[in-house]
Amino acid sequence: MEPSAWGIDAGRSRWARSCFSDASWIVPGGSIGNLSALVAATTIAAPALADQALATAKNCMACHAVDKKLVGPAYNDVAVKYKGDAKAHAALEGKVKKGGAGVWGQVPMPPNPQVPDADIKTMVTYVLGLKK
């Protein structure tokens, strides 16, 4: 596939000339091999980093860490505990919003009514998507 098919003028861009002049970039079926892998990797990694940044911005990381227990459980442990539980997302969203205690010990999790529901949903999706 020619660079012009993507609206790229390979004659005007040194980057495009170097990328598209090497036949190793083109793989059977007309897809771009290395470029596709790069785009896929950044697309997959970026949301995870952004969601951890959101958890940090909302002060969740003051009590939680991804890989170890602090005041509250490690996010990896939460992901393992609720793996395959269809009701987990809604239950955890409620706990983040309203607070809770007793599941991970007697230290209560304070309510977070100031955190927008959309942010809570994003962070819960992030936590449940972690793999240990």
N, C-alpha and C. Protein backbone atom coordinates (compact mmCIF):
# COMPACT_ATOMS: atom_id res chain seq x y z
N MET A 1 0.85 -1.17 0.00
CA MET A 1 0.00 0.00 0.00
C MET A 1 0.90 1.23 0.00
N GLU A 2 0.55 2.18 -0.79
CA GLU A 2 1.35 3.39 -0.91
C GLU A 2 1.03 4.37 0.22
N PRO A 3 2.01 5.17 0.63
CA PRO A 3 1.77 6.17 1.69
C PRO A 3 0.64 7.13 1.34
N SER A 4 0.48 7.41 0.04
CA SER A 4 -0.56 8.35 -0.37
C SER A 4 -1.97 7.83 -0.02
N ALA A 5 -2.10 6.51 0.16
CA ALA A 5 -3.40 5.94 0.54
C ALA A 5 -3.83 6.43 1.91
N TRP A 6 -2.86 6.82 2.75
CA TRP A 6 -3.16 7.37 4.08
C TRP A 6 -3.07 8.89 4.11
N GLY A 7 -2.95 9.49 2.95
CA GLY A 7 -2.84 10.94 2.89
C GLY A 7 -1.46 11.44 3.26
N ILE A 8 -0.45 10.59 3.13
CA ILE A 8 0.92 10.97 3.48
C ILE A 8 1.70 11.25 2.21
N ASP A 9 2.31 12.40 2.13
CA ASP A 9 3.16 12.74 1.00
C ASP A 9 4.58 12.34 1.36
N ALA A 10 4.97 11.13 0.95
CA ALA A 10 6.29 10.59 1.31
C ALA A 10 7.42 11.44 0.75
N GLY A 11 7.16 12.19 -0.31
CA GLY A 11 8.21 13.03 -0.89
C GLY A 11 8.53 14.24 -0.05
N ARG A 12 7.62 14.67 0.81
CA ARG A 12 7.82 15.89 1.59
C ARG A 12 8.25 15.61 3.02
N SER A 13 8.17 14.36 3.46
CA SER A 13 8.47 14.05 4.84
C SER A 13 9.60 13.04 4.93
N ARG A 14 10.68 13.43 5.61
CA ARG A 14 11.80 12.52 5.80
C ARG A 14 11.36 11.29 6.59
N TRP A 15 10.50 11.48 7.60
CA TRP A 15 10.00 10.35 8.38
C TRP A 15 9.23 9.39 7.48
N ALA A 16 8.33 9.91 6.67
CA ALA A 16 7.54 9.04 5.79
C ALA A 16 8.43 8.32 4.80
N ARG A 17 9.44 9.03 4.24
CA ARG A 17 10.35 8.37 3.30
C ARG A 17 11.08 7.23 3.98
N SER A 18 11.55 7.44 5.21
CA SER A 18 12.30 6.39 5.89
C SER A 18 11.39 5.22 6.28
N CYS A 19 10.16 5.51 6.67
CA CYS A 19 9.24 4.45 7.07
C CYS A 19 8.76 3.64 5.88
N PHE A 20 8.39 4.33 4.83
CA PHE A 20 7.76 3.65 3.71
C PHE A 20 8.75 3.16 2.67
N SER A 21 10.01 3.53 2.77
CA SER A 21 10.98 3.05 1.80
C SER A 21 11.48 1.66 2.17
N ASP A 22 11.30 1.25 3.40
CA ASP A 22 11.76 -0.05 3.89
C ASP A 22 10.62 -1.06 3.73
N ALA A 23 10.82 -2.06 2.90
CA ALA A 23 9.77 -3.04 2.63
C ALA A 23 9.40 -3.85 3.87
N SER A 24 10.23 -3.85 4.92
CA SER A 24 9.89 -4.63 6.11
C SER A 24 8.69 -4.06 6.85
N TRP A 25 8.35 -2.81 6.57
CA TRP A 25 7.17 -2.23 7.20
C TRP A 25 5.89 -2.80 6.61
N ILE A 26 5.95 -3.19 5.34
CA ILE A 26 4.75 -3.69 4.68
C ILE A 26 4.68 -5.19 4.89
N VAL A 27 3.56 -5.66 5.39
CA VAL A 27 3.37 -7.09 5.61
C VAL A 27 2.22 -7.56 4.73
N PRO A 28 2.09 -8.86 4.50
CA PRO A 28 1.00 -9.36 3.65
C PRO A 28 -0.36 -8.83 4.11
N GLY A 29 -1.19 -8.52 3.15
CA GLY A 29 -2.52 -8.00 3.46
C GLY A 29 -2.56 -6.47 3.44
N GLY A 30 -1.44 -5.84 3.24
CA GLY A 30 -1.40 -4.39 3.10
C GLY A 30 -1.37 -3.62 4.39
N SER A 31 -1.16 -4.28 5.54
CA SER A 31 -1.10 -3.53 6.79
C SER A 31 0.33 -3.13 7.10
N ILE A 32 0.50 -2.19 7.92
CA ILE A 32 1.82 -1.72 8.31
C ILE A 32 2.22 -2.47 9.57
N GLY A 33 3.25 -3.28 9.51
CA GLY A 33 3.65 -4.13 10.62
C GLY A 33 4.11 -3.39 11.85
N ASN A 34 5.28 -2.80 11.82
CA ASN A 34 5.85 -2.16 13.00
C ASN A 34 5.02 -0.96 13.46
N LEU A 35 4.50 -0.22 12.52
CA LEU A 35 3.69 0.95 12.87
C LEU A 35 2.41 0.50 13.58
N SER A 36 1.79 -0.57 13.09
CA SER A 36 0.58 -1.08 13.75
C SER A 36 0.88 -1.52 15.17
N ALA A 37 2.00 -2.20 15.35
CA ALA A 37 2.38 -2.65 16.69
C ALA A 37 2.60 -1.46 17.62
N LEU A 38 3.24 -0.43 17.12
CA LEU A 38 3.50 0.77 17.92
C LEU A 38 2.19 1.44 18.31
N VAL A 39 1.29 1.60 17.36
CA VAL A 39 0.00 2.23 17.64
C VAL A 39 -0.79 1.39 18.64
N ALA A 40 -0.80 0.07 18.46
CA ALA A 40 -1.53 -0.81 19.38
C ALA A 40 -0.94 -0.72 20.78
N ALA A 41 0.36 -0.72 20.89
CA ALA A 41 0.99 -0.67 22.21
C ALA A 41 0.68 0.62 22.93
N THR A 42 0.72 1.74 22.24
CA THR A 42 0.45 3.01 22.90
C THR A 42 -1.04 3.16 23.19
N THR A 43 -1.88 2.58 22.35
CA THR A 43 -3.32 2.65 22.59
C THR A 43 -3.70 1.83 23.81
N ILE A 44 -3.06 0.68 23.99
CA ILE A 44 -3.37 -0.18 25.12
C ILE A 44 -2.76 0.38 26.41
N ALA A 45 -1.53 0.85 26.37
CA ALA A 45 -0.84 1.31 27.57
C ALA A 45 -1.34 2.67 28.04
N ALA A 46 -1.70 3.53 27.14
CA ALA A 46 -2.07 4.89 27.51
C ALA A 46 -3.25 4.95 28.48
N PRO A 47 -4.36 4.21 28.23
CA PRO A 47 -5.46 4.29 29.18
C PRO A 47 -5.08 3.82 30.58
N ALA A 48 -4.26 2.78 30.69
CA ALA A 48 -3.86 2.29 32.01
C ALA A 48 -3.09 3.35 32.76
N LEU A 49 -2.18 4.01 32.08
CA LEU A 49 -1.42 5.08 32.73
C LEU A 49 -2.32 6.25 33.07
N ALA A 50 -3.23 6.57 32.19
CA ALA A 50 -4.14 7.69 32.44
C ALA A 50 -5.05 7.39 33.62
N ASP A 51 -5.51 6.14 33.74
CA ASP A 51 -6.41 5.80 34.83
C ASP A 51 -5.68 5.77 36.17
N GLN A 52 -4.42 5.38 36.17
CA GLN A 52 -3.65 5.45 37.41
C GLN A 52 -3.41 6.91 37.77
N ALA A 53 -3.19 7.74 36.78
CA ALA A 53 -3.04 9.17 37.03
C ALA A 53 -4.33 9.76 37.60
N LEU A 54 -5.46 9.30 37.10
CA LEU A 54 -6.75 9.75 37.61
C LEU A 54 -6.91 9.33 39.07
N ALA A 55 -6.54 8.09 39.38
CA ALA A 55 -6.62 7.60 40.77
C ALA A 55 -5.70 8.42 41.67
N THR A 56 -4.55 8.81 41.16
CA THR A 56 -3.63 9.65 41.93
C THR A 56 -4.24 11.03 42.13
N ALA A 57 -4.82 11.58 41.07
CA ALA A 57 -5.42 12.92 41.16
C ALA A 57 -6.59 12.96 42.13
N LYS A 58 -7.32 11.86 42.25
CA LYS A 58 -8.48 11.80 43.15
C LYS A 58 -8.09 11.33 44.55
N ASN A 59 -6.80 11.19 44.80
CA ASN A 59 -6.22 10.85 46.11
C ASN A 59 -6.43 9.39 46.52
N CYS A 60 -6.80 8.53 45.57
CA CYS A 60 -6.97 7.11 45.88
C CYS A 60 -5.64 6.45 46.25
N MET A 61 -4.57 6.93 45.62
CA MET A 61 -3.27 6.30 45.82
C MET A 61 -2.67 6.64 47.19
N ALA A 62 -3.34 7.51 47.94
CA ALA A 62 -2.89 7.78 49.31
C ALA A 62 -3.14 6.55 50.20
N CYS A 63 -4.15 5.76 49.87
CA CYS A 63 -4.49 4.57 50.66
C CYS A 63 -4.29 3.26 49.90
N HIS A 64 -4.19 3.32 48.59
CA HIS A 64 -4.07 2.12 47.76
C HIS A 64 -2.81 2.20 46.92
N ALA A 65 -2.26 1.03 46.61
CA ALA A 65 -1.17 0.90 45.63
C ALA A 65 -1.59 -0.22 44.68
N VAL A 66 -0.95 -0.28 43.55
CA VAL A 66 -1.29 -1.32 42.59
C VAL A 66 -0.87 -2.68 43.10
N ASP A 67 0.33 -2.77 43.67
CA ASP A 67 0.91 -4.09 43.96
C ASP A 67 1.14 -4.41 45.44
N LYS A 68 0.71 -3.55 46.34
CA LYS A 68 0.89 -3.86 47.77
C LYS A 68 -0.20 -3.18 48.61
N LYS A 69 -0.51 -3.79 49.73
CA LYS A 69 -1.50 -3.23 50.64
C LYS A 69 -0.89 -2.02 51.34
N LEU A 70 -1.63 -0.96 51.39
CA LEU A 70 -1.26 0.20 52.20
C LEU A 70 -2.31 0.26 53.31
N VAL A 71 -3.10 1.30 53.33
CA VAL A 71 -4.23 1.37 54.26
C VAL A 71 -5.35 0.46 53.74
N GLY A 72 -5.57 0.55 52.45
CA GLY A 72 -6.56 -0.30 51.79
C GLY A 72 -5.87 -1.37 50.97
N PRO A 73 -6.65 -2.25 50.36
CA PRO A 73 -6.07 -3.37 49.61
C PRO A 73 -5.34 -2.90 48.34
N ALA A 74 -4.40 -3.74 47.90
CA ALA A 74 -3.72 -3.50 46.63
C ALA A 74 -4.73 -3.65 45.50
N TYR A 75 -4.61 -2.84 44.49
CA TYR A 75 -5.54 -2.92 43.36
C TYR A 75 -5.45 -4.30 42.69
N ASN A 76 -4.26 -4.88 42.63
CA ASN A 76 -4.13 -6.24 42.06
C ASN A 76 -4.98 -7.23 42.84
N ASP A 77 -4.98 -7.12 44.17
CA ASP A 77 -5.77 -8.02 45.01
C ASP A 77 -7.27 -7.83 44.77
N VAL A 78 -7.68 -6.60 44.57
CA VAL A 78 -9.09 -6.32 44.28
C VAL A 78 -9.48 -6.97 42.95
N ALA A 79 -8.62 -6.84 41.94
CA ALA A 79 -8.89 -7.43 40.63
C ALA A 79 -9.02 -8.95 40.74
N VAL A 80 -8.15 -9.59 41.53
CA VAL A 80 -8.21 -11.04 41.69
C VAL A 80 -9.48 -11.45 42.43
N LYS A 81 -9.79 -10.74 43.51
CA LYS A 81 -10.97 -11.09 44.32
C LYS A 81 -12.26 -11.04 43.50
N TYR A 82 -12.38 -10.05 42.63
CA TYR A 82 -13.63 -9.84 41.91
C TYR A 82 -13.61 -10.36 40.48
N LYS A 83 -12.57 -11.07 40.10
CA LYS A 83 -12.47 -11.61 38.74
C LYS A 83 -13.67 -12.52 38.47
N GLY A 84 -14.35 -12.25 37.36
CA GLY A 84 -15.49 -13.07 36.96
C GLY A 84 -16.80 -12.72 37.66
N ASP A 85 -16.79 -11.77 38.57
CA ASP A 85 -18.00 -11.38 39.30
C ASP A 85 -18.75 -10.31 38.49
N ALA A 86 -19.88 -10.66 37.94
CA ALA A 86 -20.65 -9.75 37.09
C ALA A 86 -21.18 -8.54 37.86
N LYS A 87 -21.31 -8.66 39.16
CA LYS A 87 -21.85 -7.56 39.96
C LYS A 87 -20.75 -6.67 40.55
N ALA A 88 -19.51 -7.04 40.32
CA ALA A 88 -18.39 -6.33 40.96
C ALA A 88 -18.31 -4.86 40.57
N HIS A 89 -18.50 -4.56 39.30
CA HIS A 89 -18.34 -3.18 38.84
C HIS A 89 -19.30 -2.26 39.59
N ALA A 90 -20.56 -2.61 39.62
CA ALA A 90 -21.56 -1.77 40.29
C ALA A 90 -21.30 -1.70 41.79
N ALA A 91 -20.92 -2.84 42.38
CA ALA A 91 -20.67 -2.87 43.83
C ALA A 91 -19.48 -1.98 44.19
N LEU A 92 -18.42 -2.06 43.42
CA LEU A 92 -17.23 -1.25 43.73
C LEU A 92 -17.47 0.23 43.47
N GLU A 93 -18.22 0.55 42.43
CA GLU A 93 -18.57 1.95 42.19
C GLU A 93 -19.31 2.51 43.41
N GLY A 94 -20.23 1.73 43.96
CA GLY A 94 -20.97 2.16 45.14
C GLY A 94 -20.07 2.34 46.35
N LYS A 95 -19.11 1.43 46.53
CA LYS A 95 -18.19 1.55 47.68
C LYS A 95 -17.29 2.77 47.55
N VAL A 96 -16.85 3.06 46.33
CA VAL A 96 -16.01 4.25 46.16
C VAL A 96 -16.83 5.50 46.47
N LYS A 97 -18.05 5.54 45.99
CA LYS A 97 -18.90 6.73 46.18
C LYS A 97 -19.36 6.88 47.64
N LYS A 98 -19.83 5.77 48.24
CA LYS A 98 -20.46 5.84 49.57
C LYS A 98 -19.56 5.40 50.72
N GLY A 99 -18.41 4.79 50.39
CA GLY A 99 -17.53 4.25 51.43
C GLY A 99 -17.96 2.85 51.82
N GLY A 100 -17.18 2.24 52.69
CA GLY A 100 -17.51 0.89 53.12
C GLY A 100 -16.48 0.36 54.09
N ALA A 101 -16.78 -0.79 54.67
CA ALA A 101 -15.86 -1.44 55.62
C ALA A 101 -16.22 -2.90 55.72
N GLY A 102 -15.25 -3.69 56.20
CA GLY A 102 -15.51 -5.07 56.51
C GLY A 102 -15.06 -6.09 55.48
N VAL A 103 -14.94 -5.71 54.22
CA VAL A 103 -14.54 -6.67 53.19
C VAL A 103 -13.03 -6.94 53.26
N TRP A 104 -12.24 -5.92 53.53
CA TRP A 104 -10.78 -6.02 53.55
C TRP A 104 -10.22 -5.79 54.94
N GLY A 105 -11.04 -5.84 55.94
CA GLY A 105 -10.61 -5.57 57.30
C GLY A 105 -11.51 -4.52 57.92
N GLN A 106 -11.13 -4.05 59.08
CA GLN A 106 -12.00 -3.13 59.81
C GLN A 106 -11.73 -1.65 59.53
N VAL A 107 -10.68 -1.34 58.79
CA VAL A 107 -10.42 0.06 58.45
C VAL A 107 -11.42 0.49 57.39
N PRO A 108 -12.25 1.48 57.68
CA PRO A 108 -13.27 1.88 56.70
C PRO A 108 -12.68 2.68 55.55
N MET A 109 -13.30 2.52 54.40
CA MET A 109 -12.97 3.38 53.26
C MET A 109 -13.93 4.56 53.32
N PRO A 110 -13.40 5.77 53.36
CA PRO A 110 -14.29 6.93 53.45
C PRO A 110 -15.07 7.13 52.15
N PRO A 111 -16.23 7.76 52.25
CA PRO A 111 -17.00 8.05 51.04
C PRO A 111 -16.30 9.12 50.20
N ASN A 112 -16.57 9.09 48.92
CA ASN A 112 -15.97 10.05 47.98
C ASN A 112 -17.04 10.69 47.11
N PRO A 113 -17.99 11.41 47.73
CA PRO A 113 -19.09 11.98 46.95
C PRO A 113 -18.63 13.08 45.98
N GLN A 114 -17.45 13.63 46.21
CA GLN A 114 -16.95 14.70 45.36
C GLN A 114 -16.40 14.19 44.02
N VAL A 115 -16.17 12.89 43.92
CA VAL A 115 -15.61 12.32 42.68
C VAL A 115 -16.76 12.06 41.71
N PRO A 116 -16.67 12.62 40.50
CA PRO A 116 -17.73 12.41 39.52
C PRO A 116 -17.94 10.92 39.19
N ASP A 117 -19.18 10.54 38.94
CA ASP A 117 -19.50 9.15 38.65
C ASP A 117 -18.70 8.61 37.47
N ALA A 118 -18.50 9.43 36.45
CA ALA A 118 -17.74 8.98 35.27
C ALA A 118 -16.30 8.64 35.65
N ASP A 119 -15.70 9.41 36.55
CA ASP A 119 -14.34 9.13 37.01
C ASP A 119 -14.30 7.85 37.84
N ILE A 120 -15.30 7.65 38.67
CA ILE A 120 -15.37 6.42 39.47
C ILE A 120 -15.48 5.21 38.55
N LYS A 121 -16.32 5.30 37.56
CA LYS A 121 -16.49 4.19 36.60
C LYS A 121 -15.16 3.90 35.89
N THR A 122 -14.44 4.93 35.48
CA THR A 122 -13.15 4.76 34.81
C THR A 122 -12.14 4.09 35.72
N MET A 123 -12.07 4.54 36.98
CA MET A 123 -11.10 3.96 37.91
C MET A 123 -11.45 2.52 38.29
N VAL A 124 -12.73 2.21 38.46
CA VAL A 124 -13.12 0.84 38.78
C VAL A 124 -12.81 -0.08 37.60
N THR A 125 -13.06 0.38 36.40
CA THR A 125 -12.73 -0.39 35.21
C THR A 125 -11.23 -0.66 35.16
N TYR A 126 -10.45 0.36 35.48
CA TYR A 126 -8.98 0.22 35.52
C TYR A 126 -8.56 -0.84 36.55
N VAL A 127 -9.09 -0.75 37.76
CA VAL A 127 -8.71 -1.67 38.83
C VAL A 127 -9.12 -3.10 38.47
N LEU A 128 -10.34 -3.29 38.00
CA LEU A 128 -10.80 -4.64 37.68
C LEU A 128 -10.08 -5.23 36.48
N GLY A 129 -9.48 -4.38 35.66
CA GLY A 129 -8.75 -4.85 34.50
C GLY A 129 -7.30 -5.20 34.77
N LEU A 130 -6.84 -4.96 35.98
CA LEU A 130 -5.44 -5.27 36.31
C LEU A 130 -5.24 -6.78 36.39
N LYS A 131 -4.05 -7.20 36.04
CA LYS A 131 -3.70 -8.62 36.13
C LYS A 131 -2.53 -8.76 37.07
N LYS A 132 -2.59 -9.73 37.93
CA LYS A 132 -1.53 -9.94 38.91
C LYS A 132 -0.41 -10.76 38.32
